[in-house]
Amino acid sequence: MFFLHGTEIEQLTKIKKAIFNNMPFDDLEIICKEVSISLNDKGFAYTYAACLLASEDKISDAKKMFAINGEDTFCKIMYDYLEETNSFDLADQVFKSADPYNIYTQTDFFKKHQGGALKYIRKFAQESAPPKSVSPVTILDIGVGNGMFITKIVNEIIPLYDIKNIRLIIIDQSEDMLRMAKEYCEENINITVEVISICCKIQEITKEQIEIIQNTKPIWFINTGLSIHYMPKEKKIPMLKQLKAFSPKLVLTEVNWNHDLPESNSPELF
C-alpha cells in the first residue's frame, strides 16, 4: 500500500485524459512509460491505465496493460480474471458474487492483513475465555466472505480451550458467498460446527434477523475484518451499538480508511 503525492496525481491524470480521449493503445503505452518515471511505484502507471481501460469496457487493451506490469500480484490476478470472465464488475456489484472476492483474497494486501489479524485474535482469545459451561460456543462473523478467514480463526483458537463444538453465525450481503462460506467452514473446521447464515448488510439488519442472533446468546465474541471501513459514521455508530447488544466483545481488524471517496476514476481512488 502507498500514498500518492500531488505531483504524482498530476502526472497520472495525463493517463486518465488520454484514455477518455480514446488515445490508441501504443500511444497510451508511451504516456504510461513517461508518467512512470515520476512515480515511486513505477508499475502503478500501467495498473491505473489498465483499471481505467477495464472500466471503459476495453477489456482487450486492459489485459495488455495489466500484462506489462505482470510481475505485480494484483495485475496478474486481474489479468487472469479478465481472461476468464471478459468483464469488469462495477464497484457496487463486486462483492455480490464470490468470484471477485476469491481473487481479492489472493492479493498480498489481504494475506498480510490476515497474518497480522490472526496473531492478535489468538492473543485476544488467550486473554478472554469463552462463556463457561456453554456448548456449542458461538462466534458471530460480520462480512464472512468465502469463509476462509473465519475458518483459520476458529482452527487457531479452539485448541486453547479444548472446544469440541462451535456455532458460527455468518453475515454477508451475498447469498453466493454465504453458500460458499458455509460449505468451506463445514469442510475445513477441525471440530463439529453448526453454521447459521444471515444474508444482509449489517447496518440494514432486520428485527427478525436480530432475533435469530439474540436466541443464540451468549456469544463469545464478534469478529469483523475489513468489513465496516466503508460505512459512514452516521451508520457505523448505531451499527456498533447493535453489535454490543449481541456481545460485549468485538474483535475489529480494519484499515485506516474512511468513506470520503475521491473523484470517480481518480488515481487516489485506485
C-alpha atoms as a PDB file:
ATOM      1  CA  MET A   1       0.000   0.000   0.000  1.00  0.00           C
ATOM      2  CA  PHE A   2       1.253   3.502  -0.801  1.00  0.00           C
ATOM      3  CA  PHE A   3       0.055   7.083  -0.947  1.00  0.00           C
ATOM      4  CA  LEU A   4       0.193   9.404  -3.955  1.00  0.00           C
ATOM      5  CA  HIS A   5       1.745  12.850  -3.784  1.00  0.00           C
ATOM      6  CA  GLY A   6       0.338  15.875  -5.589  1.00  0.00           C
ATOM      7  CA  THR A   7       2.871  15.759  -8.415  1.00  0.00           C
ATOM      8  CA  GLU A   8       2.207  12.054  -8.942  1.00  0.00           C
ATOM      9  CA  ILE A   9      -1.542  12.628  -9.149  1.00  0.00           C
ATOM     10  CA  GLU A  10      -0.947  15.374 -11.701  1.00  0.00           C
ATOM     11  CA  GLN A  11       1.125  13.023 -13.844  1.00  0.00           C
ATOM     12  CA  LEU A  12      -1.372  10.171 -13.572  1.00  0.00           C
ATOM     13  CA  THR A  13      -4.168  12.475 -14.688  1.00  0.00           C
ATOM     14  CA  LYS A  14      -2.462  12.517 -18.089  1.00  0.00           C
ATOM     15  CA  ILE A  15      -3.279   8.826 -18.402  1.00  0.00           C
ATOM     16  CA  LYS A  16      -6.912   9.410 -17.473  1.00  0.00           C
ATOM     17  CA  LYS A  17      -7.273  12.151 -20.104  1.00  0.00           C
ATOM     18  CA  ALA A  18      -5.579  10.010 -22.749  1.00  0.00           C
ATOM     19  CA  ILE A  19      -7.927   7.085 -22.172  1.00  0.00           C
ATOM     20  CA  PHE A  20     -11.067   9.215 -22.145  1.00  0.00           C
ATOM     21  CA  ASN A  21      -9.871  10.837 -25.384  1.00  0.00           C
ATOM     22  CA  ASN A  22      -9.597   7.345 -26.908  1.00  0.00           C
ATOM     23  CA  MET A  23      -5.861   7.506 -27.491  1.00  0.00           C
ATOM     24  CA  PRO A  24      -4.553   4.461 -29.416  1.00  0.00           C
ATOM     25  CA  PHE A  25      -3.002   1.784 -27.220  1.00  0.00           C
ATOM     26  CA  ASP A  26       0.578   2.212 -28.490  1.00  0.00           C
ATOM     27  CA  ASP A  27       0.487   5.943 -27.771  1.00  0.00           C
ATOM     28  CA  LEU A  28      -1.091   5.301 -24.372  1.00  0.00           C
ATOM     29  CA  GLU A  29       1.718   2.904 -23.506  1.00  0.00           C
ATOM     30  CA  ILE A  30       4.239   5.649 -24.265  1.00  0.00           C
ATOM     31  CA  ILE A  31       2.350   8.038 -21.957  1.00  0.00           C
ATOM     32  CA  CYS A  32       2.386   5.409 -19.191  1.00  0.00           C
ATOM     33  CA  LYS A  33       6.123   4.919 -19.594  1.00  0.00           C
ATOM     34  CA  GLU A  34       6.715   8.670 -19.346  1.00  0.00           C
ATOM     35  CA  VAL A  35       4.468   9.003 -16.291  1.00  0.00           C
ATOM     36  CA  SER A  36       6.067   6.014 -14.535  1.00  0.00           C
ATOM     37  CA  ILE A  37       9.367   7.899 -14.322  1.00  0.00           C
ATOM     38  CA  SER A  38       7.802  10.344 -11.841  1.00  0.00           C
ATOM     39  CA  LEU A  39       6.218   7.664  -9.595  1.00  0.00           C
ATOM     40  CA  ASN A  40       7.661   5.904  -6.566  1.00  0.00           C
ATOM     41  CA  ASP A  41       5.870   2.762  -7.728  1.00  0.00           C
ATOM     42  CA  LYS A  42       6.889   2.686 -11.391  1.00  0.00           C
ATOM     43  CA  GLY A  43       4.376  -0.012 -12.288  1.00  0.00           C
ATOM     44  CA  PHE A  44       1.344   1.851 -10.966  1.00  0.00           C
ATOM     45  CA  ALA A  45       1.045   3.893 -14.161  1.00  0.00           C
ATOM     46  CA  TYR A  46       0.250   0.680 -16.057  1.00  0.00           C
ATOM     47  CA  THR A  47      -2.009  -0.640 -13.275  1.00  0.00           C
ATOM     48  CA  TYR A  48      -4.010   2.583 -13.240  1.00  0.00           C
ATOM     49  CA  ALA A  49      -4.309   2.646 -17.022  1.00  0.00           C
ATOM     50  CA  ALA A  50      -5.397  -0.990 -17.085  1.00  0.00           C
ATOM     51  CA  CYS A  51      -8.117  -0.406 -14.479  1.00  0.00           C
ATOM     52  CA  LEU A  52      -9.452   2.600 -16.373  1.00  0.00           C
ATOM     53  CA  LEU A  53      -9.440   0.675 -19.642  1.00  0.00           C
ATOM     54  CA  ALA A  54     -11.338  -2.167 -18.000  1.00  0.00           C
ATOM     55  CA  SER A  55     -13.876   0.254 -16.512  1.00  0.00           C
ATOM     56  CA  GLU A  56     -14.425   1.619 -20.019  1.00  0.00           C
ATOM     57  CA  ASP A  57     -15.089  -1.955 -21.207  1.00  0.00           C
ATOM     58  CA  LYS A  58     -11.891  -2.021 -23.256  1.00  0.00           C
ATOM     59  CA  ILE A  59     -11.082  -5.465 -21.946  1.00  0.00           C
ATOM     60  CA  SER A  60      -8.516  -6.465 -24.575  1.00  0.00           C
ATOM     61  CA  ASP A  61      -6.445  -3.317 -24.045  1.00  0.00           C
ATOM     62  CA  ALA A  62      -6.823  -3.653 -20.270  1.00  0.00           C
ATOM     63  CA  LYS A  63      -5.374  -7.161 -20.374  1.00  0.00           C
ATOM     64  CA  LYS A  64      -2.410  -5.969 -22.443  1.00  0.00           C
ATOM     65  CA  MET A  65      -1.758  -3.172 -19.955  1.00  0.00           C
ATOM     66  CA  PHE A  66      -2.017  -5.490 -16.944  1.00  0.00           C
ATOM     67  CA  ALA A  67       0.406  -7.849 -18.691  1.00  0.00           C
ATOM     68  CA  ILE A  68       3.041  -5.104 -18.936  1.00  0.00           C
ATOM     69  CA  ASN A  69       3.124  -4.977 -15.127  1.00  0.00           C
ATOM     70  CA  GLY A  70       2.537  -8.719 -14.883  1.00  0.00           C
ATOM     71  CA  GLU A  71       5.023  -9.365 -12.076  1.00  0.00           C
ATOM     72  CA  ASP A  72       2.749  -7.405  -9.735  1.00  0.00           C
ATOM     73  CA  THR A  73       0.362  -9.764  -7.899  1.00  0.00           C
ATOM     74  CA  PHE A  74      -2.683  -7.545  -8.376  1.00  0.00           C
ATOM     75  CA  CYS A  75      -2.029  -7.148 -12.101  1.00  0.00           C
ATOM     76  CA  LYS A  76      -1.536 -10.881 -12.579  1.00  0.00           C
ATOM     77  CA  ILE A  77      -4.759 -11.665 -10.727  1.00  0.00           C
ATOM     78  CA  MET A  78      -6.701  -9.025 -12.674  1.00  0.00           C
ATOM     79  CA  TYR A  79      -5.304 -10.299 -15.970  1.00  0.00           C
ATOM     80  CA  ASP A  80      -6.391 -13.833 -15.147  1.00  0.00           C
ATOM     81  CA  TYR A  81      -9.802 -12.593 -14.006  1.00  0.00           C
ATOM     82  CA  LEU A  82     -10.405 -10.630 -17.218  1.00  0.00           C
ATOM     83  CA  GLU A  83      -9.137 -13.563 -19.265  1.00  0.00           C
ATOM     84  CA  GLU A  84     -11.668 -15.825 -17.575  1.00  0.00           C
ATOM     85  CA  THR A  85     -14.690 -13.502 -17.380  1.00  0.00           C
ATOM     86  CA  ASN A  86     -14.079 -10.980 -20.172  1.00  0.00           C
ATOM     87  CA  SER A  87     -15.865  -8.409 -17.973  1.00  0.00           C
ATOM     88  CA  PHE A  88     -15.161  -5.879 -15.233  1.00  0.00           C
ATOM     89  CA  ASP A  89     -17.596  -5.686 -12.302  1.00  0.00           C
ATOM     90  CA  LEU A  90     -18.758  -2.308 -11.052  1.00  0.00           C
ATOM     91  CA  ALA A  91     -17.742  -1.384  -7.518  1.00  0.00           C
ATOM     92  CA  ASP A  92     -21.296  -1.643  -6.163  1.00  0.00           C
ATOM     93  CA  GLN A  93     -21.648  -5.150  -7.607  1.00  0.00           C
ATOM     94  CA  VAL A  94     -18.223  -6.629  -6.960  1.00  0.00           C
ATOM     95  CA  PHE A  95     -18.988  -8.443  -3.701  1.00  0.00           C
ATOM     96  CA  LYS A  96     -22.384  -9.777  -4.776  1.00  0.00           C
ATOM     97  CA  SER A  97     -20.518 -12.638  -6.425  1.00  0.00           C
ATOM     98  CA  ALA A  98     -17.896 -14.784  -4.741  1.00  0.00           C
ATOM     99  CA  ASP A  99     -15.521 -14.742  -7.722  1.00  0.00           C
ATOM    100  CA  PRO A 100     -14.075 -11.207  -7.280  1.00  0.00           C
ATOM    101  CA  TYR A 101     -13.732 -11.780  -3.534  1.00  0.00           C
ATOM    102  CA  ASN A 102     -11.851 -15.030  -4.121  1.00  0.00           C
ATOM    103  CA  ILE A 103      -9.415 -13.079  -6.297  1.00  0.00           C
ATOM    104  CA  TYR A 104      -9.091 -10.390  -3.619  1.00  0.00           C
ATOM    105  CA  THR A 105      -8.088 -12.992  -1.009  1.00  0.00           C
ATOM    106  CA  GLN A 106      -5.091 -13.916  -3.167  1.00  0.00           C
ATOM    107  CA  THR A 107      -3.590 -10.411  -3.019  1.00  0.00           C
ATOM    108  CA  ASP A 108      -0.527  -9.632  -0.906  1.00  0.00           C
ATOM    109  CA  PHE A 109      -2.521  -6.974   0.956  1.00  0.00           C
ATOM    110  CA  PHE A 110      -5.158  -9.461   2.132  1.00  0.00           C
ATOM    111  CA  LYS A 111      -2.602 -12.104   3.075  1.00  0.00           C
ATOM    112  CA  LYS A 112      -0.563  -9.635   5.143  1.00  0.00           C
ATOM    113  CA  HIS A 113      -3.691  -8.375   6.883  1.00  0.00           C
ATOM    114  CA  GLN A 114      -4.827 -11.919   7.596  1.00  0.00           C
ATOM    115  CA  GLY A 115      -1.498 -12.955   9.096  1.00  0.00           C
ATOM    116  CA  GLY A 116      -1.372  -9.974  11.424  1.00  0.00           C
ATOM    117  CA  ALA A 117      -5.022 -10.314  12.407  1.00  0.00           C
ATOM    118  CA  LEU A 118      -4.647 -13.997  13.333  1.00  0.00           C
ATOM    119  CA  LYS A 119      -1.778 -13.153  15.670  1.00  0.00           C
ATOM    120  CA  TYR A 120      -3.842 -10.625  17.616  1.00  0.00           C
ATOM    121  CA  ILE A 121      -7.047 -12.665  17.581  1.00  0.00           C
ATOM    122  CA  ARG A 122      -5.175 -15.551  19.165  1.00  0.00           C
ATOM    123  CA  LYS A 123      -3.841 -13.172  21.825  1.00  0.00           C
ATOM    124  CA  PHE A 124      -7.375 -11.893  22.458  1.00  0.00           C
ATOM    125  CA  ALA A 125      -8.702 -15.449  22.779  1.00  0.00           C
ATOM    126  CA  GLN A 126      -5.971 -16.356  25.263  1.00  0.00           C
ATOM    127  CA  GLU A 127      -6.968 -13.423  27.471  1.00  0.00           C
ATOM    128  CA  SER A 128     -10.740 -13.727  27.030  1.00  0.00           C
ATOM    129  CA  ALA A 129     -12.110 -17.229  27.571  1.00  0.00           C
ATOM    130  CA  PRO A 130     -15.457 -18.360  26.133  1.00  0.00           C
ATOM    131  CA  PRO A 131     -18.512 -18.483  28.436  1.00  0.00           C
ATOM    132  CA  LYS A 132     -18.245 -21.358  30.898  1.00  0.00           C
ATOM    133  CA  SER A 133     -20.411 -24.465  30.595  1.00  0.00           C
ATOM    134  CA  VAL A 134     -21.810 -23.349  27.240  1.00  0.00           C
ATOM    135  CA  SER A 135     -21.964 -25.711  24.281  1.00  0.00           C
ATOM    136  CA  PRO A 136     -21.725 -25.022  21.471  1.00  0.00           C
ATOM    137  CA  VAL A 137     -19.505 -21.950  21.769  1.00  0.00           C
ATOM    138  CA  THR A 138     -20.866 -19.223  19.486  1.00  0.00           C
ATOM    139  CA  ILE A 139     -18.988 -16.707  17.328  1.00  0.00           C
ATOM    140  CA  LEU A 140     -20.648 -14.049  15.158  1.00  0.00           C
ATOM    141  CA  ASP A 141     -18.753 -13.121  11.983  1.00  0.00           C
ATOM    142  CA  ILE A 142     -19.610  -9.938  10.058  1.00  0.00           C
ATOM    143  CA  GLY A 143     -18.737  -9.923   6.359  1.00  0.00           C
ATOM    144  CA  VAL A 144     -17.701 -13.566   6.208  1.00  0.00           C
ATOM    145  CA  GLY A 145     -16.724 -13.559   2.534  1.00  0.00           C
ATOM    146  CA  ASN A 146     -15.769 -17.037   1.338  1.00  0.00           C
ATOM    147  CA  GLY A 147     -15.289 -18.386   4.876  1.00  0.00           C
ATOM    148  CA  MET A 148     -11.534 -18.930   4.697  1.00  0.00           C
ATOM    149  CA  PHE A 149     -10.599 -16.313   7.288  1.00  0.00           C
ATOM    150  CA  ILE A 150     -13.119 -17.313   9.969  1.00  0.00           C
ATOM    151  CA  THR A 151     -12.106 -20.932   9.435  1.00  0.00           C
ATOM    152  CA  LYS A 152      -8.475 -20.042  10.129  1.00  0.00           C
ATOM    153  CA  ILE A 153      -9.542 -18.088  13.210  1.00  0.00           C
ATOM    154  CA  VAL A 154     -11.556 -20.996  14.622  1.00  0.00           C
ATOM    155  CA  ASN A 155      -8.843 -23.574  13.963  1.00  0.00           C
ATOM    156  CA  GLU A 156      -6.296 -21.224  15.568  1.00  0.00           C
ATOM    157  CA  ILE A 157      -8.184 -20.675  18.840  1.00  0.00           C
ATOM    158  CA  ILE A 158     -10.128 -23.887  19.571  1.00  0.00           C
ATOM    159  CA  PRO A 159      -7.055 -25.736  20.940  1.00  0.00           C
ATOM    160  CA  LEU A 160      -6.707 -23.045  23.621  1.00  0.00           C
ATOM    161  CA  TYR A 161      -9.790 -24.338  25.455  1.00  0.00           C
ATOM    162  CA  ASP A 162     -10.301 -27.845  24.059  1.00  0.00           C
ATOM    163  CA  ILE A 163     -13.551 -26.746  22.407  1.00  0.00           C
ATOM    164  CA  LYS A 164     -15.498 -29.668  20.918  1.00  0.00           C
ATOM    165  CA  ASN A 165     -18.433 -27.891  19.247  1.00  0.00           C
ATOM    166  CA  ILE A 166     -18.797 -24.447  17.774  1.00  0.00           C
ATOM    167  CA  ARG A 167     -21.654 -22.423  16.295  1.00  0.00           C
ATOM    168  CA  LEU A 168     -20.900 -19.799  13.682  1.00  0.00           C
ATOM    169  CA  ILE A 169     -23.363 -17.069  12.774  1.00  0.00           C
ATOM    170  CA  ILE A 170     -22.127 -15.691   9.475  1.00  0.00           C
ATOM    171  CA  ILE A 171     -23.422 -12.468   7.950  1.00  0.00           C
ATOM    172  CA  ASP A 172     -22.851 -11.280   4.399  1.00  0.00           C
ATOM    173  CA  GLN A 173     -24.824  -9.378   1.779  1.00  0.00           C
ATOM    174  CA  SER A 174     -24.100 -12.032  -0.854  1.00  0.00           C
ATOM    175  CA  GLU A 175     -26.058 -15.292  -0.991  1.00  0.00           C
ATOM    176  CA  ASP A 176     -23.304 -16.696  -3.196  1.00  0.00           C
ATOM    177  CA  MET A 177     -20.612 -16.024  -0.611  1.00  0.00           C
ATOM    178  CA  LEU A 178     -22.754 -17.280   2.269  1.00  0.00           C
ATOM    179  CA  ARG A 179     -23.267 -20.555   0.440  1.00  0.00           C
ATOM    180  CA  MET A 180     -19.553 -20.881  -0.270  1.00  0.00           C
ATOM    181  CA  ALA A 181     -18.598 -19.864   3.279  1.00  0.00           C
ATOM    182  CA  LYS A 182     -20.966 -22.385   4.865  1.00  0.00           C
ATOM    183  CA  GLU A 183     -19.577 -25.203   2.737  1.00  0.00           C
ATOM    184  CA  TYR A 184     -15.975 -24.163   3.388  1.00  0.00           C
ATOM    185  CA  CYS A 185     -16.441 -23.899   7.159  1.00  0.00           C
ATOM    186  CA  GLU A 186     -18.216 -27.247   7.405  1.00  0.00           C
ATOM    187  CA  GLU A 187     -15.484 -28.965   5.393  1.00  0.00           C
ATOM    188  CA  ASN A 188     -12.409 -27.331   6.939  1.00  0.00           C
ATOM    189  CA  ILE A 189     -13.075 -26.525  10.595  1.00  0.00           C
ATOM    190  CA  ASN A 190     -11.467 -29.213  12.750  1.00  0.00           C
ATOM    191  CA  ILE A 191     -14.386 -29.764  15.139  1.00  0.00           C
ATOM    192  CA  THR A 192     -18.158 -30.154  14.902  1.00  0.00           C
ATOM    193  CA  VAL A 193     -19.600 -26.914  13.545  1.00  0.00           C
ATOM    194  CA  GLU A 194     -23.110 -25.518  13.170  1.00  0.00           C
ATOM    195  CA  VAL A 195     -23.432 -22.657  10.672  1.00  0.00           C
ATOM    196  CA  ILE A 196     -26.275 -20.132  10.721  1.00  0.00           C
ATOM    197  CA  SER A 197     -26.304 -17.895   7.630  1.00  0.00           C
ATOM    198  CA  ILE A 198     -27.872 -14.430   7.588  1.00  0.00           C
ATOM    199  CA  CYS A 199     -27.970 -12.510   4.311  1.00  0.00           C
ATOM    200  CA  CYS A 200     -27.919  -8.742   4.865  1.00  0.00           C
ATOM    201  CA  LYS A 201     -25.786  -5.675   5.228  1.00  0.00           C
ATOM    202  CA  ILE A 202     -25.135  -5.444   8.962  1.00  0.00           C
ATOM    203  CA  GLN A 203     -26.312  -1.817   9.046  1.00  0.00           C
ATOM    204  CA  GLU A 204     -29.623  -2.930   7.499  1.00  0.00           C
ATOM    205  CA  ILE A 205     -30.270  -5.984   9.666  1.00  0.00           C
ATOM    206  CA  THR A 206     -33.968  -6.708  10.257  1.00  0.00           C
ATOM    207  CA  LYS A 207     -35.804  -7.349  13.519  1.00  0.00           C
ATOM    208  CA  GLU A 208     -36.291 -10.974  12.527  1.00  0.00           C
ATOM    209  CA  GLN A 209     -32.576 -11.417  11.866  1.00  0.00           C
ATOM    210  CA  ILE A 210     -31.701  -9.718  15.157  1.00  0.00           C
ATOM    211  CA  GLU A 211     -33.981 -12.166  16.956  1.00  0.00           C
ATOM    212  CA  ILE A 212     -32.191 -15.124  15.364  1.00  0.00           C
ATOM    213  CA  ILE A 213     -28.885 -13.855  16.751  1.00  0.00           C
ATOM    214  CA  GLN A 214     -30.321 -12.993  20.179  1.00  0.00           C
ATOM    215  CA  ASN A 215     -31.583 -16.552  20.520  1.00  0.00           C
ATOM    216  CA  THR A 216     -28.019 -17.896  20.283  1.00  0.00           C
ATOM    217  CA  LYS A 217     -26.607 -15.838  23.192  1.00  0.00           C
ATOM    218  CA  PRO A 218     -24.239 -15.867  24.938  1.00  0.00           C
ATOM    219  CA  ILE A 219     -21.888 -15.089  22.060  1.00  0.00           C
ATOM    220  CA  TRP A 220     -18.183 -15.468  22.838  1.00  0.00           C
ATOM    221  CA  PHE A 221     -17.176 -12.618  20.513  1.00  0.00           C
ATOM    222  CA  ILE A 222     -17.984 -10.856  17.282  1.00  0.00           C
ATOM    223  CA  ASN A 223     -15.404 -10.822  14.517  1.00  0.00           C
ATOM    224  CA  THR A 224     -15.341  -8.262  11.735  1.00  0.00           C
ATOM    225  CA  GLY A 225     -12.360  -7.831   9.455  1.00  0.00           C
ATOM    226  CA  LEU A 226     -12.128  -5.338   6.582  1.00  0.00           C
ATOM    227  CA  SER A 227     -15.926  -5.116   6.619  1.00  0.00           C
ATOM    228  CA  ILE A 228     -17.020  -1.763   8.032  1.00  0.00           C
ATOM    229  CA  HIS A 229     -14.405   0.820   6.977  1.00  0.00           C
ATOM    230  CA  TYR A 230     -16.603   1.815   4.022  1.00  0.00           C
ATOM    231  CA  MET A 231     -19.518   2.707   6.303  1.00  0.00           C
ATOM    232  CA  PRO A 232     -20.180   6.403   7.053  1.00  0.00           C
ATOM    233  CA  LYS A 233     -20.110   7.491  10.694  1.00  0.00           C
ATOM    234  CA  GLU A 234     -23.865   8.105  10.913  1.00  0.00           C
ATOM    235  CA  LYS A 235     -24.482   4.424  10.104  1.00  0.00           C
ATOM    236  CA  LYS A 236     -21.449   2.988  11.861  1.00  0.00           C
ATOM    237  CA  ILE A 237     -22.309   4.258  15.369  1.00  0.00           C
ATOM    238  CA  PRO A 238     -25.806   2.705  15.608  1.00  0.00           C
ATOM    239  CA  MET A 239     -24.466  -0.464  13.987  1.00  0.00           C
ATOM    240  CA  LEU A 240     -21.770  -0.777  16.676  1.00  0.00           C
ATOM    241  CA  LYS A 241     -24.374  -0.216  19.392  1.00  0.00           C
ATOM    242  CA  GLN A 242     -26.380  -3.095  17.937  1.00  0.00           C
ATOM    243  CA  LEU A 243     -23.326  -5.336  17.954  1.00  0.00           C
ATOM    244  CA  LYS A 244     -22.717  -4.503  21.615  1.00  0.00           C
ATOM    245  CA  ALA A 245     -26.226  -5.786  22.361  1.00  0.00           C
ATOM    246  CA  PHE A 246     -25.183  -9.134  20.860  1.00  0.00           C
ATOM    247  CA  SER A 247     -21.868  -9.431  22.728  1.00  0.00           C
ATOM    248  CA  PRO A 248     -19.636  -7.105  24.760  1.00  0.00           C
ATOM    249  CA  LYS A 249     -16.579  -8.497  22.944  1.00  0.00           C
ATOM    250  CA  LEU A 250     -15.806  -7.253  19.454  1.00  0.00           C
ATOM    251  CA  VAL A 251     -12.660  -8.166  17.517  1.00  0.00           C
ATOM    252  CA  LEU A 252     -12.216  -5.445  14.915  1.00  0.00           C
ATOM    253  CA  THR A 253      -9.384  -5.689  12.389  1.00  0.00           C
ATOM    254  CA  GLU A 254      -9.670  -2.818   9.970  1.00  0.00           C
ATOM    255  CA  VAL A 255      -7.712  -0.420   7.816  1.00  0.00           C
ATOM    256  CA  ASN A 256      -7.309   3.280   8.475  1.00  0.00           C
ATOM    257  CA  TRP A 257      -9.609   4.355   5.665  1.00  0.00           C
ATOM    258  CA  ASN A 258     -12.823   6.347   5.655  1.00  0.00           C
ATOM    259  CA  HIS A 259     -15.905   6.824   3.497  1.00  0.00           C
ATOM    260  CA  ASP A 260     -14.751  10.028   1.838  1.00  0.00           C
ATOM    261  CA  LEU A 261     -14.358   8.660  -1.683  1.00  0.00           C
ATOM    262  CA  PRO A 262     -12.127  10.586  -4.104  1.00  0.00           C
ATOM    263  CA  GLU A 263     -13.409  11.619  -7.506  1.00  0.00           C
ATOM    264  CA  SER A 264     -14.555   8.783  -9.739  1.00  0.00           C
ATOM    265  CA  ASN A 265     -11.710   7.261 -11.799  1.00  0.00           C
ATOM    266  CA  SER A 266      -9.127   9.410  -9.985  1.00  0.00           C
ATOM    267  CA  PRO A 267      -5.661   7.960  -9.205  1.00  0.00           C
ATOM    268  CA  GLU A 268      -6.375   8.243  -5.452  1.00  0.00           C
ATOM    269  CA  LEU A 269      -9.479   6.075  -5.781  1.00  0.00           C
ATOM    270  CA  PHE A 270      -7.480   3.270  -7.381  1.00  0.00           C
END
